[in-house]
Protein backbone atom coordinates (compact mmCIF):
# COMPACT_ATOMS: atom_id res chain seq x y z
CA MET A 1 15.89 5.11 -6.86
CA ARG A 2 12.54 5.32 -8.87
CA THR A 3 9.63 4.06 -7.02
CA ILE A 4 6.16 3.44 -7.72
CA LYS A 5 3.36 4.12 -5.22
CA GLY A 6 -0.38 2.39 -5.49
CA PHE A 7 -3.34 1.48 -3.27
CA TRP A 8 -3.91 -1.93 -1.87
CA GLN A 9 -6.89 -3.08 -0.26
CA HIS A 10 -7.31 -5.56 2.27
CA THR A 11 -10.17 -8.23 2.46
CA ASN A 12 -11.04 -6.50 5.67
CA GLY A 13 -11.97 -3.10 3.42
CA LYS A 14 -9.15 -0.90 4.59
CA VAL A 15 -6.80 0.56 2.07
CA TYR A 16 -2.92 0.80 2.27
CA ALA A 17 -0.96 3.06 0.19
CA ILE A 18 2.46 1.19 -0.58
CA GLU A 19 5.75 2.27 -2.42
CA SER A 20 7.77 -0.28 -3.79
CA THR A 21 11.05 -0.09 -6.45
CA THR A 22 10.38 -0.89 -9.94
CA LEU A 23 11.76 -4.22 -9.35
CA GLY A 24 8.64 -4.85 -6.63
CA GLU A 25 10.71 -4.44 -3.36
CA ILE A 26 8.53 -2.81 -0.91
CA VAL A 27 9.98 0.17 0.80
CA GLY A 28 7.28 1.94 2.69
CA ALA A 29 3.65 1.84 3.42
CA ALA A 30 1.05 4.20 4.94
CA GLY A 31 -2.42 3.00 6.37
CA PRO A 32 -4.79 1.59 7.13
CA LEU A 33 -6.93 4.03 5.29
CA ASP A 34 -10.59 4.35 4.67
CA ALA A 35 -11.25 3.86 1.21
CA ASP A 36 -13.79 6.70 0.92
CA GLU A 37 -11.45 8.98 2.08
CA LEU A 38 -8.58 8.49 0.04
CA ARG A 39 -6.30 11.38 -1.15
CA GLU A 40 -3.21 11.57 -3.68
CA LEU A 41 -0.62 9.13 -3.20
CA ASP A 42 2.15 11.69 -3.02
CA ASP A 43 0.17 12.96 0.33
CA TYR A 44 1.25 9.98 2.32
CA ASP A 45 4.15 9.60 4.77
CA TYR A 46 5.31 5.95 3.77
CA LYS A 47 7.21 4.37 6.87
CA GLN A 48 8.82 0.91 6.89
CA ALA A 49 7.05 -0.21 10.14
CA ILE A 50 4.33 -2.31 8.47
CA ILE A 51 6.46 -3.50 5.31
CA GLU A 52 6.59 -7.06 6.83
CA TRP A 53 2.83 -7.08 7.48
CA VAL A 54 2.34 -5.94 3.92
CA LYS A 55 4.40 -8.51 2.74
CA ARG A 56 2.91 -11.26 4.68
CA ALA A 57 -0.71 -9.88 3.56
CA ILE A 58 0.17 -10.18 0.07
CA ALA A 59 1.37 -13.60 -0.01
CA GLU A 60 -1.53 -14.25 1.66
CA HIS A 61 -3.57 -12.91 -1.09
CA LYS A 62 -5.14 -10.79 1.65
CA LEU A 63 -4.15 -7.47 -0.32
CA HIS A 64 -4.77 -6.69 -4.04
CA ARG A 65 -4.02 -3.33 -5.90
CA ILE A 66 -6.76 -1.12 -6.29
CA ASN A 67 -7.28 1.80 -8.87
CA PRO A 68 -9.89 4.05 -7.10
CA SER A 69 -11.52 6.64 -9.34
């Protein structure tokens, strides 16, 4: 299964690394992370423990995708 990883920022400023399928199904997440201490996306341990919270936060528009430089 091919997955896509990306950073998403919560309205509280914390960042989450989220892994999803190419169809958009979230399969793992890591965080919360400090925005000024982000590493490579492959360096995180993606777990299923917060997937439901992530889905709810996205639905409530509290998480948005970011592209840190």
